Amino acid sequence: MKTKKEYSKEIGARIKALRIERGITMEDFAKAIGYTSKTSTYNLEQGRQLISVPVLKKIAEVLNVSLYYLEFGEEPPKEILIERHSLSDITDLEYDLLLYFRKLSDVEKSAIVNILKKGD
């Protein structure tokens, strides 16, 4: 079983990798999640502090990933998604679409929804 410190370091490493991948500076990231300085981001990424659930939710939102991804480093298995959302008849294709959709920016999501609405 992992200690809180090990757990914090793993999540911090994922946050850092995602932040860098998305081209977000430490300072901008700190502001986006309600922190005051890039030092706060550094401490968070190094696992030097425990992250509250509200802050973790904000981080997931800013990085456009699920809380599950921050915790485990992968998207939730289809079975967990089905259990959580009662999607017993979801196909593999629909599940894949949902995972890709979650990675899009809000602007991209809106554009896709508008395209889908036109098809109705």
N, C-alpha and C. Protein backbone atom coordinates (compact mmCIF):
# COMPACT_ATOMS: atom_id res chain seq x y z
N MET A 1 0.84 -1.18 0.00
CA MET A 1 0.00 0.00 0.00
C MET A 1 0.89 1.25 0.00
N LYS A 2 0.51 2.22 -0.80
CA LYS A 2 1.30 3.44 -0.94
C LYS A 2 1.06 4.37 0.25
N THR A 3 2.10 5.10 0.58
CA THR A 3 1.95 6.13 1.60
C THR A 3 1.33 7.36 0.95
N LYS A 4 0.86 8.28 1.77
CA LYS A 4 0.29 9.52 1.25
C LYS A 4 1.33 10.29 0.45
N LYS A 5 2.57 10.24 0.91
CA LYS A 5 3.64 10.96 0.22
C LYS A 5 3.89 10.34 -1.17
N GLU A 6 3.93 9.01 -1.25
CA GLU A 6 4.13 8.35 -2.54
C GLU A 6 2.97 8.67 -3.49
N TYR A 7 1.77 8.62 -2.95
CA TYR A 7 0.57 8.92 -3.72
C TYR A 7 0.63 10.35 -4.25
N SER A 8 1.01 11.30 -3.38
CA SER A 8 1.11 12.71 -3.78
C SER A 8 2.17 12.91 -4.86
N LYS A 9 3.29 12.20 -4.74
CA LYS A 9 4.36 12.31 -5.74
C LYS A 9 3.90 11.79 -7.10
N GLU A 10 3.17 10.68 -7.11
CA GLU A 10 2.67 10.12 -8.38
C GLU A 10 1.70 11.08 -9.05
N ILE A 11 0.77 11.60 -8.29
CA ILE A 11 -0.20 12.54 -8.85
C ILE A 11 0.52 13.81 -9.32
N GLY A 12 1.45 14.28 -8.51
CA GLY A 12 2.22 15.47 -8.88
C GLY A 12 2.98 15.28 -10.18
N ALA A 13 3.57 14.11 -10.35
CA ALA A 13 4.31 13.82 -11.59
C ALA A 13 3.36 13.81 -12.79
N ARG A 14 2.17 13.25 -12.61
CA ARG A 14 1.19 13.25 -13.71
C ARG A 14 0.76 14.68 -14.04
N ILE A 15 0.52 15.47 -13.00
CA ILE A 15 0.12 16.86 -13.21
C ILE A 15 1.20 17.62 -13.98
N LYS A 16 2.44 17.44 -13.57
CA LYS A 16 3.55 18.13 -14.24
C LYS A 16 3.63 17.72 -15.71
N ALA A 17 3.56 16.43 -15.98
CA ALA A 17 3.66 15.95 -17.36
C ALA A 17 2.52 16.51 -18.21
N LEU A 18 1.31 16.51 -17.67
CA LEU A 18 0.16 17.04 -18.41
C LEU A 18 0.29 18.55 -18.63
N ARG A 19 0.73 19.27 -17.59
CA ARG A 19 0.89 20.72 -17.70
C ARG A 19 1.90 21.07 -18.80
N ILE A 20 3.03 20.37 -18.79
CA ILE A 20 4.07 20.62 -19.80
C ILE A 20 3.56 20.24 -21.19
N GLU A 21 2.90 19.09 -21.29
CA GLU A 21 2.36 18.63 -22.57
C GLU A 21 1.40 19.66 -23.17
N ARG A 22 0.66 20.36 -22.30
CA ARG A 22 -0.32 21.33 -22.76
C ARG A 22 0.27 22.73 -22.90
N GLY A 23 1.55 22.88 -22.59
CA GLY A 23 2.22 24.16 -22.77
C GLY A 23 1.80 25.23 -21.77
N ILE A 24 1.43 24.81 -20.58
CA ILE A 24 0.99 25.75 -19.54
C ILE A 24 2.16 26.04 -18.61
N THR A 25 2.46 27.30 -18.39
CA THR A 25 3.55 27.65 -17.48
C THR A 25 3.14 27.37 -16.04
N MET A 26 4.13 27.25 -15.17
CA MET A 26 3.85 27.00 -13.75
C MET A 26 3.02 28.14 -13.17
N GLU A 27 3.36 29.36 -13.55
CA GLU A 27 2.64 30.53 -13.04
C GLU A 27 1.19 30.56 -13.52
N ASP A 28 0.98 30.32 -14.81
CA ASP A 28 -0.38 30.31 -15.36
C ASP A 28 -1.21 29.18 -14.75
N PHE A 29 -0.57 28.04 -14.54
CA PHE A 29 -1.27 26.91 -13.94
C PHE A 29 -1.70 27.24 -12.51
N ALA A 30 -0.79 27.86 -11.76
CA ALA A 30 -1.11 28.25 -10.39
C ALA A 30 -2.34 29.16 -10.36
N LYS A 31 -2.34 30.15 -11.23
CA LYS A 31 -3.48 31.07 -11.29
C LYS A 31 -4.77 30.35 -11.68
N ALA A 32 -4.66 29.43 -12.63
CA ALA A 32 -5.84 28.72 -13.14
C ALA A 32 -6.50 27.85 -12.07
N ILE A 33 -5.69 27.35 -11.13
CA ILE A 33 -6.26 26.48 -10.09
C ILE A 33 -6.48 27.22 -8.76
N GLY A 34 -6.25 28.53 -8.79
CA GLY A 34 -6.52 29.32 -7.60
C GLY A 34 -5.36 29.45 -6.62
N TYR A 35 -4.16 29.12 -7.06
CA TYR A 35 -2.98 29.29 -6.23
C TYR A 35 -2.36 30.65 -6.55
N THR A 36 -1.40 31.06 -5.74
CA THR A 36 -0.86 32.41 -5.89
C THR A 36 0.48 32.51 -6.61
N SER A 37 1.22 31.41 -6.69
CA SER A 37 2.56 31.52 -7.29
C SER A 37 2.99 30.22 -7.94
N LYS A 38 4.04 30.33 -8.76
CA LYS A 38 4.56 29.13 -9.40
C LYS A 38 5.23 28.21 -8.37
N THR A 39 5.62 28.75 -7.24
CA THR A 39 6.17 27.92 -6.16
C THR A 39 5.12 26.93 -5.68
N SER A 40 3.88 27.37 -5.63
CA SER A 40 2.78 26.47 -5.25
C SER A 40 2.67 25.33 -6.25
N THR A 41 2.78 25.66 -7.53
CA THR A 41 2.73 24.62 -8.57
C THR A 41 3.89 23.66 -8.41
N TYR A 42 5.07 24.19 -8.17
CA TYR A 42 6.26 23.34 -8.00
C TYR A 42 6.05 22.38 -6.83
N ASN A 43 5.61 22.89 -5.70
CA ASN A 43 5.39 22.04 -4.52
C ASN A 43 4.35 20.97 -4.79
N LEU A 44 3.31 21.33 -5.50
CA LEU A 44 2.26 20.38 -5.85
C LEU A 44 2.82 19.28 -6.75
N GLU A 45 3.58 19.66 -7.76
CA GLU A 45 4.13 18.70 -8.71
C GLU A 45 5.19 17.80 -8.09
N GLN A 46 5.84 18.27 -7.06
CA GLN A 46 6.85 17.46 -6.37
C GLN A 46 6.24 16.55 -5.30
N GLY A 47 4.93 16.68 -5.10
CA GLY A 47 4.26 15.87 -4.09
C GLY A 47 4.53 16.31 -2.67
N ARG A 48 4.87 17.56 -2.52
CA ARG A 48 5.21 18.10 -1.20
C ARG A 48 3.99 18.52 -0.39
N GLN A 49 2.82 18.46 -1.01
CA GLN A 49 1.61 18.83 -0.30
C GLN A 49 0.47 17.93 -0.74
N LEU A 50 -0.43 17.66 0.17
CA LEU A 50 -1.63 16.91 -0.18
C LEU A 50 -2.57 17.85 -0.90
N ILE A 51 -3.32 17.32 -1.85
CA ILE A 51 -4.21 18.14 -2.65
C ILE A 51 -5.64 17.89 -2.20
N SER A 52 -6.35 18.95 -1.91
CA SER A 52 -7.75 18.80 -1.51
C SER A 52 -8.59 18.36 -2.71
N VAL A 53 -9.72 17.75 -2.45
CA VAL A 53 -10.59 17.30 -3.54
C VAL A 53 -11.04 18.46 -4.42
N PRO A 54 -11.48 19.60 -3.85
CA PRO A 54 -11.87 20.71 -4.74
C PRO A 54 -10.73 21.18 -5.65
N VAL A 55 -9.52 21.22 -5.14
CA VAL A 55 -8.38 21.64 -5.97
C VAL A 55 -8.08 20.56 -7.00
N LEU A 56 -8.17 19.30 -6.63
CA LEU A 56 -7.93 18.22 -7.57
C LEU A 56 -8.95 18.27 -8.71
N LYS A 57 -10.20 18.58 -8.38
CA LYS A 57 -11.23 18.72 -9.42
C LYS A 57 -10.90 19.87 -10.36
N LYS A 58 -10.42 20.98 -9.80
CA LYS A 58 -10.05 22.13 -10.62
C LYS A 58 -8.86 21.79 -11.53
N ILE A 59 -7.90 21.06 -10.99
CA ILE A 59 -6.74 20.64 -11.77
C ILE A 59 -7.19 19.77 -12.94
N ALA A 60 -8.06 18.81 -12.67
CA ALA A 60 -8.57 17.94 -13.74
C ALA A 60 -9.27 18.76 -14.81
N GLU A 61 -10.03 19.75 -14.38
CA GLU A 61 -10.73 20.62 -15.33
C GLU A 61 -9.75 21.41 -16.19
N VAL A 62 -8.75 22.02 -15.55
CA VAL A 62 -7.76 22.83 -16.26
C VAL A 62 -6.96 21.98 -17.24
N LEU A 63 -6.60 20.76 -16.82
CA LEU A 63 -5.80 19.88 -17.67
C LEU A 63 -6.66 19.04 -18.61
N ASN A 64 -7.98 19.16 -18.46
CA ASN A 64 -8.93 18.47 -19.33
C ASN A 64 -8.77 16.95 -19.27
N VAL A 65 -8.68 16.43 -18.04
CA VAL A 65 -8.63 14.99 -17.81
C VAL A 65 -9.61 14.65 -16.69
N SER A 66 -9.85 13.37 -16.51
CA SER A 66 -10.73 12.93 -15.43
C SER A 66 -9.96 12.84 -14.11
N LEU A 67 -10.69 12.87 -13.02
CA LEU A 67 -10.06 12.64 -11.72
C LEU A 67 -9.43 11.25 -11.69
N TYR A 68 -10.11 10.31 -12.32
CA TYR A 68 -9.59 8.94 -12.39
C TYR A 68 -8.21 8.94 -13.04
N TYR A 69 -8.05 9.71 -14.12
CA TYR A 69 -6.76 9.77 -14.80
C TYR A 69 -5.69 10.35 -13.87
N LEU A 70 -6.01 11.41 -13.16
CA LEU A 70 -5.03 11.99 -12.25
C LEU A 70 -4.60 10.97 -11.20
N GLU A 71 -5.55 10.19 -10.74
CA GLU A 71 -5.24 9.22 -9.69
C GLU A 71 -4.49 8.00 -10.21
N PHE A 72 -4.92 7.46 -11.35
CA PHE A 72 -4.38 6.18 -11.81
C PHE A 72 -3.52 6.25 -13.07
N GLY A 73 -3.50 7.39 -13.74
CA GLY A 73 -2.67 7.54 -14.93
C GLY A 73 -3.25 6.93 -16.19
N GLU A 74 -4.54 6.62 -16.15
CA GLU A 74 -5.24 6.08 -17.32
C GLU A 74 -6.72 6.41 -17.21
N GLU A 75 -7.40 6.32 -18.31
CA GLU A 75 -8.84 6.57 -18.27
C GLU A 75 -9.53 5.38 -17.63
N PRO A 76 -10.70 5.60 -17.05
CA PRO A 76 -11.38 4.50 -16.36
C PRO A 76 -11.79 3.40 -17.33
N PRO A 77 -11.71 2.16 -16.86
CA PRO A 77 -12.19 1.06 -17.71
C PRO A 77 -13.68 1.24 -18.01
N LYS A 78 -14.08 0.69 -19.11
CA LYS A 78 -15.48 0.80 -19.55
C LYS A 78 -16.43 0.35 -18.44
N GLU A 79 -16.07 -0.69 -17.71
CA GLU A 79 -16.93 -1.23 -16.66
C GLU A 79 -17.21 -0.19 -15.57
N ILE A 80 -16.20 0.57 -15.20
CA ILE A 80 -16.38 1.60 -14.18
C ILE A 80 -17.27 2.71 -14.71
N LEU A 81 -17.05 3.11 -15.94
CA LEU A 81 -17.88 4.14 -16.55
C LEU A 81 -19.33 3.68 -16.61
N ILE A 82 -19.54 2.45 -17.00
CA ILE A 82 -20.89 1.90 -17.10
C ILE A 82 -21.54 1.88 -15.72
N GLU A 83 -20.80 1.40 -14.73
CA GLU A 83 -21.34 1.32 -13.37
C GLU A 83 -21.70 2.70 -12.83
N ARG A 84 -20.85 3.65 -13.07
CA ARG A 84 -21.05 4.99 -12.55
C ARG A 84 -22.22 5.71 -13.22
N HIS A 85 -22.40 5.47 -14.49
CA HIS A 85 -23.39 6.23 -15.26
C HIS A 85 -24.55 5.40 -15.78
N SER A 86 -24.63 4.15 -15.37
CA SER A 86 -25.71 3.25 -15.82
C SER A 86 -25.80 3.19 -17.34
N LEU A 87 -24.67 3.04 -17.97
CA LEU A 87 -24.62 2.96 -19.43
C LEU A 87 -24.43 1.50 -19.84
N SER A 88 -25.37 0.67 -19.50
CA SER A 88 -25.21 -0.77 -19.71
C SER A 88 -25.14 -1.16 -21.18
N ASP A 89 -25.65 -0.32 -22.06
CA ASP A 89 -25.66 -0.71 -23.47
C ASP A 89 -24.66 0.09 -24.32
N ILE A 90 -23.68 0.72 -23.69
CA ILE A 90 -22.69 1.50 -24.44
C ILE A 90 -21.78 0.56 -25.25
N THR A 91 -21.55 0.93 -26.49
CA THR A 91 -20.67 0.13 -27.35
C THR A 91 -19.22 0.57 -27.15
N ASP A 92 -18.30 -0.25 -27.64
CA ASP A 92 -16.89 0.10 -27.55
C ASP A 92 -16.60 1.40 -28.31
N LEU A 93 -17.24 1.58 -29.45
CA LEU A 93 -17.06 2.80 -30.22
C LEU A 93 -17.55 4.03 -29.45
N GLU A 94 -18.71 3.92 -28.82
CA GLU A 94 -19.25 5.03 -28.03
C GLU A 94 -18.33 5.35 -26.85
N TYR A 95 -17.80 4.32 -26.24
CA TYR A 95 -16.86 4.51 -25.12
C TYR A 95 -15.61 5.24 -25.61
N ASP A 96 -15.04 4.81 -26.73
CA ASP A 96 -13.86 5.46 -27.30
C ASP A 96 -14.15 6.92 -27.62
N LEU A 97 -15.32 7.19 -28.21
CA LEU A 97 -15.71 8.56 -28.53
C LEU A 97 -15.77 9.42 -27.27
N LEU A 98 -16.32 8.86 -26.22
CA LEU A 98 -16.41 9.60 -24.95
C LEU A 98 -15.02 9.94 -24.42
N LEU A 99 -14.10 9.00 -24.48
CA LEU A 99 -12.74 9.26 -24.00
C LEU A 99 -12.07 10.35 -24.82
N TYR A 100 -12.21 10.30 -26.14
CA TYR A 100 -11.63 11.34 -27.00
C TYR A 100 -12.30 12.68 -26.75
N PHE A 101 -13.61 12.67 -26.60
CA PHE A 101 -14.37 13.89 -26.37
C PHE A 101 -13.89 14.60 -25.10
N ARG A 102 -13.62 13.83 -24.06
CA ARG A 102 -13.17 14.41 -22.78
C ARG A 102 -11.84 15.14 -22.91
N LYS A 103 -11.04 14.78 -23.88
CA LYS A 103 -9.73 15.39 -24.04
C LYS A 103 -9.77 16.69 -24.83
N LEU A 104 -10.91 17.01 -25.42
CA LEU A 104 -11.04 18.22 -26.22
C LEU A 104 -11.21 19.46 -25.35
N SER A 105 -10.90 20.60 -25.92
CA SER A 105 -11.15 21.87 -25.23
C SER A 105 -12.65 22.14 -25.25
N ASP A 106 -13.10 23.07 -24.44
CA ASP A 106 -14.51 23.42 -24.41
C ASP A 106 -14.99 23.92 -25.77
N VAL A 107 -14.15 24.66 -26.46
CA VAL A 107 -14.50 25.18 -27.79
C VAL A 107 -14.69 24.02 -28.76
N GLU A 108 -13.77 23.07 -28.74
CA GLU A 108 -13.87 21.91 -29.63
C GLU A 108 -15.10 21.07 -29.31
N LYS A 109 -15.39 20.90 -28.01
CA LYS A 109 -16.58 20.15 -27.60
C LYS A 109 -17.84 20.82 -28.12
N SER A 110 -17.92 22.13 -27.98
CA SER A 110 -19.10 22.87 -28.46
C SER A 110 -19.27 22.72 -29.96
N ALA A 111 -18.16 22.78 -30.68
CA ALA A 111 -18.23 22.65 -32.14
C ALA A 111 -18.76 21.27 -32.53
N ILE A 112 -18.30 20.25 -31.85
CA ILE A 112 -18.77 18.90 -32.16
C ILE A 112 -20.23 18.73 -31.81
N VAL A 113 -20.64 19.25 -30.66
CA VAL A 113 -22.06 19.16 -30.28
C VAL A 113 -22.92 19.87 -31.31
N ASN A 114 -22.49 21.02 -31.77
CA ASN A 114 -23.25 21.75 -32.80
C ASN A 114 -23.34 20.95 -34.09
N ILE A 115 -22.27 20.30 -34.48
CA ILE A 115 -22.30 19.46 -35.67
C ILE A 115 -23.29 18.32 -35.49
N LEU A 116 -23.26 17.69 -34.33
CA LEU A 116 -24.17 16.58 -34.06
C LEU A 116 -25.63 17.03 -34.02
N LYS A 117 -25.87 18.22 -33.50
CA LYS A 117 -27.24 18.75 -33.43
C LYS A 117 -27.80 18.98 -34.84
N LYS A 118 -26.93 19.39 -35.75
CA LYS A 118 -27.37 19.64 -37.14
C LYS A 118 -27.82 18.35 -37.80
N GLY A 119 -27.30 17.23 -37.34
CA GLY A 119 -27.65 15.93 -37.92
C GLY A 119 -29.00 15.41 -37.45
N ASP A 120 -29.60 16.07 -36.44
CA ASP A 120 -30.91 15.61 -35.93
C ASP A 120 -32.04 15.87 -36.88
